[in-house]
Amino acid sequence: MLRGHRVAIDRQSGLSYFSTMAKLPIVILPDPILRKPSTPIEQVDAEVRQLADDMLETMYAAPGVGLAAVQVGVPRRLVVIDVADAEDGEKPNPLVLINPKIVDLGSHTRLHEEGCLSIPDFRVEIERPATLTLEYIDREGEARVLHADGLLATAIQHEVDHLDGKLIIDFLSSLRRDMVVRRFKKQARAAS
């Protein structure tokens, strides 16, 4: 998920260990892998933790508030999120969500303009449940439950959609969605 109208993330605020990690290429629409459902992660090991760390580095550099593994070409059920607002002085608060499963959605909704790192320069207002309960495995392999609201709930739903092969353009009419896809196909042809 794309970070709002923010110019930069303060890279000096406690995340110096990210400087040695790899920034991964982000997969862009119309790449078909974005529609591929992601498979569960069987074991949390050093490789999974390294992928999560590299994804965080990539997300912060973009800048974004969330990134699913499929967006870096790895169709596995792994998401990283950090909704802390560095511009407002909030310290980074990265979340690593392995095999996330939304188990409850609240009855109230929230309208939010969403962007996507895989669909650059495109935003759409989406109404989603304002709260949720999530079960997931953390970076250390521990089972966790998270109750989220506001931007965090929106970001989680956005990223879990990615794991299921769903994109923000799926919230549009078929005509508008087809126009966006055609534009990105044209850009991809021009770039090759």
Protein backbone atom coordinates (compact mmCIF):
# COMPACT_ATOMS: atom_id res chain seq x y z
CA MET A 1 0.00 0.00 0.00
CA LEU A 2 1.28 3.40 -0.95
CA ARG A 3 2.15 5.92 1.75
CA GLY A 4 0.00 9.05 1.55
CA HIS A 5 1.26 12.43 0.46
CA ARG A 6 4.57 11.98 2.23
CA VAL A 7 7.78 13.02 0.62
CA ALA A 8 10.22 10.84 2.53
CA ILE A 9 10.65 8.49 5.43
CA ASP A 10 13.25 9.48 8.02
CA ARG A 11 15.72 6.67 7.43
CA GLN A 12 17.87 7.71 10.42
CA SER A 13 15.24 7.04 13.06
CA GLY A 14 16.32 3.72 14.51
CA LEU A 15 16.43 1.64 11.34
CA SER A 16 20.13 1.79 10.52
CA TYR A 17 20.29 -2.01 10.35
CA PHE A 18 18.24 -1.85 7.16
CA SER A 19 21.11 -0.20 5.29
CA THR A 20 22.78 -3.56 4.64
CA MET A 21 19.63 -5.20 3.27
CA ALA A 22 18.52 -5.54 -0.32
CA LYS A 23 15.97 -3.28 -1.91
CA LEU A 24 13.84 -5.58 -4.03
CA PRO A 25 12.22 -4.73 -7.38
CA ILE A 26 8.47 -4.15 -7.06
CA VAL A 27 6.26 -6.02 -9.53
CA ILE A 28 4.05 -3.65 -11.53
CA LEU A 29 0.65 -4.21 -13.15
CA PRO A 30 -0.05 -5.99 -15.58
CA ASP A 31 2.39 -8.70 -14.37
CA PRO A 32 0.21 -11.84 -13.96
CA ILE A 33 1.94 -12.88 -10.72
CA LEU A 34 -0.10 -10.16 -8.97
CA ARG A 35 -3.21 -12.26 -9.64
CA LYS A 36 -1.67 -15.47 -8.32
CA PRO A 37 -2.92 -16.55 -4.87
CA SER A 38 -0.02 -16.82 -2.43
CA THR A 39 0.86 -20.07 -0.71
CA PRO A 40 1.26 -20.45 3.07
CA ILE A 41 4.69 -20.37 4.66
CA GLU A 42 5.42 -23.72 6.27
CA GLN A 43 8.31 -22.70 8.51
CA VAL A 44 9.66 -19.39 9.78
CA ASP A 45 13.38 -19.64 9.17
CA ALA A 46 16.31 -17.35 8.38
CA GLU A 47 15.29 -17.15 4.71
CA VAL A 48 11.76 -15.95 5.60
CA ARG A 49 13.13 -13.41 8.10
CA GLN A 50 15.60 -12.11 5.50
CA LEU A 51 12.81 -11.76 2.94
CA ALA A 52 10.73 -9.83 5.51
CA ASP A 53 13.67 -7.52 6.29
CA ASP A 54 14.34 -6.93 2.58
CA MET A 55 10.63 -6.22 2.05
CA LEU A 56 10.67 -3.66 4.87
CA GLU A 57 13.68 -1.96 3.29
CA THR A 58 11.87 -1.91 -0.05
CA MET A 59 8.63 -0.61 1.50
CA TYR A 60 10.38 2.23 3.37
CA ALA A 61 12.34 3.23 0.27
CA ALA A 62 9.22 3.32 -1.95
CA PRO A 63 7.78 4.87 0.38
CA GLY A 64 4.78 2.78 1.36
CA VAL A 65 2.92 1.61 4.45
CA GLY A 66 2.57 -2.02 3.38
CA LEU A 67 3.99 -4.60 1.02
CA ALA A 68 3.01 -8.19 0.25
CA ALA A 69 5.63 -10.75 -0.80
CA VAL A 70 3.86 -11.32 -4.12
CA GLN A 71 4.58 -7.65 -4.95
CA VAL A 72 8.30 -8.50 -5.00
CA GLY A 73 7.70 -11.64 -7.06
CA VAL A 74 7.41 -14.14 -4.18
CA PRO A 75 3.86 -15.56 -4.02
CA ARG A 76 4.03 -16.54 -0.33
CA ARG A 77 1.69 -15.41 2.48
CA LEU A 78 3.96 -12.74 3.97
CA VAL A 79 3.15 -9.07 4.55
CA VAL A 80 5.08 -6.18 6.07
CA ILE A 81 3.35 -3.04 7.34
CA ASP A 82 4.32 0.14 9.14
CA VAL A 83 1.70 2.90 9.46
CA ALA A 84 3.81 5.09 11.77
CA ASP A 85 3.98 8.66 10.52
CA ALA A 86 7.63 9.78 10.57
CA GLU A 87 6.59 13.30 9.57
CA ASP A 88 4.54 13.53 12.78
CA GLY A 89 7.49 12.28 14.83
CA GLU A 90 6.23 8.73 15.27
CA LYS A 91 8.94 6.10 15.61
CA PRO A 92 8.88 3.25 13.08
CA ASN A 93 6.72 0.33 14.17
CA PRO A 94 7.19 -2.41 11.56
CA LEU A 95 4.91 -5.45 11.59
CA VAL A 96 5.81 -8.75 9.93
CA LEU A 97 2.68 -10.80 9.29
CA ILE A 98 3.22 -14.40 8.22
CA ASN A 99 0.18 -16.37 7.04
CA PRO A 100 -2.18 -13.55 8.08
CA LYS A 101 -5.84 -14.50 8.40
CA ILE A 102 -8.59 -11.97 9.03
CA VAL A 103 -10.94 -13.70 11.47
CA ASP A 104 -13.36 -10.85 12.14
CA LEU A 105 -14.34 -7.61 10.43
CA GLY A 106 -16.10 -4.79 12.26
CA SER A 107 -19.55 -3.57 11.25
CA HIS A 108 -18.54 0.11 10.81
CA THR A 109 -16.78 1.18 7.63
CA ARG A 110 -14.07 3.66 6.77
CA LEU A 111 -13.53 5.40 3.43
CA HIS A 112 -9.87 5.85 2.55
CA GLU A 113 -8.01 6.83 -0.61
CA GLU A 114 -5.66 3.93 -1.35
CA GLY A 115 -2.66 3.71 -3.59
CA CYS A 116 -0.60 0.68 -4.45
CA LEU A 117 3.13 0.26 -5.02
CA SER A 118 2.31 -2.16 -7.86
CA ILE A 119 0.02 0.38 -9.56
CA PRO A 120 2.10 3.59 -9.46
CA ASP A 121 0.42 6.99 -9.69
CA PHE A 122 -3.07 5.57 -9.28
CA ARG A 123 -5.37 6.07 -6.30
CA VAL A 124 -8.93 5.05 -5.55
CA GLU A 125 -11.29 5.64 -2.63
CA ILE A 126 -12.29 2.33 -1.08
CA GLU A 127 -14.76 1.69 1.72
CA ARG A 128 -13.63 -1.11 4.00
CA PRO A 129 -14.47 -2.28 7.52
CA ALA A 130 -12.90 0.14 10.02
CA THR A 131 -11.80 -2.58 12.46
CA LEU A 132 -10.64 -6.17 12.25
CA THR A 133 -9.15 -9.05 14.17
CA LEU A 134 -6.17 -10.79 12.59
CA GLU A 135 -4.42 -14.06 13.38
CA TYR A 136 -0.85 -14.36 12.13
CA ILE A 137 2.63 -15.67 12.88
CA ASP A 138 5.26 -13.10 13.77
CA ARG A 139 8.89 -12.84 12.64
CA GLU A 140 9.99 -15.16 15.45
CA GLY A 141 7.45 -17.87 14.56
CA GLU A 142 5.01 -17.09 17.38
CA ALA A 143 1.23 -17.19 16.82
CA ARG A 144 -0.35 -13.79 17.47
CA VAL A 145 -3.74 -12.07 17.43
CA LEU A 146 -4.00 -8.40 16.49
CA HIS A 147 -7.00 -6.08 16.84
CA ALA A 148 -6.61 -3.20 14.39
CA ASP A 149 -8.51 -0.08 13.45
CA GLY A 150 -8.13 2.95 11.22
CA LEU A 151 -5.24 3.05 8.76
CA LEU A 152 -3.73 -0.17 10.15
CA ALA A 153 -6.98 -2.07 9.50
CA THR A 154 -7.15 -0.62 5.99
CA ALA A 155 -3.52 -1.51 5.25
CA ILE A 156 -3.96 -5.07 6.52
CA GLN A 157 -7.03 -5.61 4.31
CA HIS A 158 -5.21 -4.12 1.31
CA GLU A 159 -2.19 -6.41 1.76
CA VAL A 160 -4.24 -9.55 2.50
CA ASP A 161 -6.13 -8.81 -0.74
CA HIS A 162 -2.74 -8.99 -2.52
CA LEU A 163 -2.13 -12.44 -1.02
CA ASP A 164 -5.44 -13.55 -2.54
CA GLY A 165 -4.67 -12.06 -5.98
CA LYS A 166 -6.99 -9.07 -5.53
CA LEU A 167 -5.98 -5.50 -6.41
CA ILE A 168 -7.46 -2.07 -5.65
CA ILE A 169 -8.62 -1.83 -9.27
CA ASP A 170 -11.04 -4.67 -8.49
CA PHE A 171 -13.09 -2.14 -6.51
CA LEU A 172 -13.71 -0.17 -9.74
CA SER A 173 -16.34 -0.70 -12.42
CA SER A 174 -15.23 -3.16 -15.10
CA LEU A 175 -14.96 -0.33 -17.65
CA ARG A 176 -12.70 1.80 -15.46
CA ARG A 177 -10.64 -1.24 -14.39
CA ASP A 178 -10.09 -2.22 -18.04
CA MET A 179 -8.92 1.34 -18.82
CA VAL A 180 -6.34 1.20 -16.02
CA VAL A 181 -5.08 -2.23 -17.12
CA ARG A 182 -4.80 -1.08 -20.75
CA ARG A 183 -2.78 1.96 -19.65
CA PHE A 184 -0.33 -0.20 -17.71
CA LYS A 185 -0.04 -2.74 -20.54
CA LYS A 186 0.78 0.10 -22.91
CA GLN A 187 3.43 1.43 -20.49
CA ALA A 188 4.93 -2.06 -20.13
CA ARG A 189 5.16 -2.45 -23.94
CA ALA A 190 6.79 0.97 -24.27
CA ALA A 191 9.35 0.11 -21.59
CA SER A 192 10.42 -3.17 -23.25
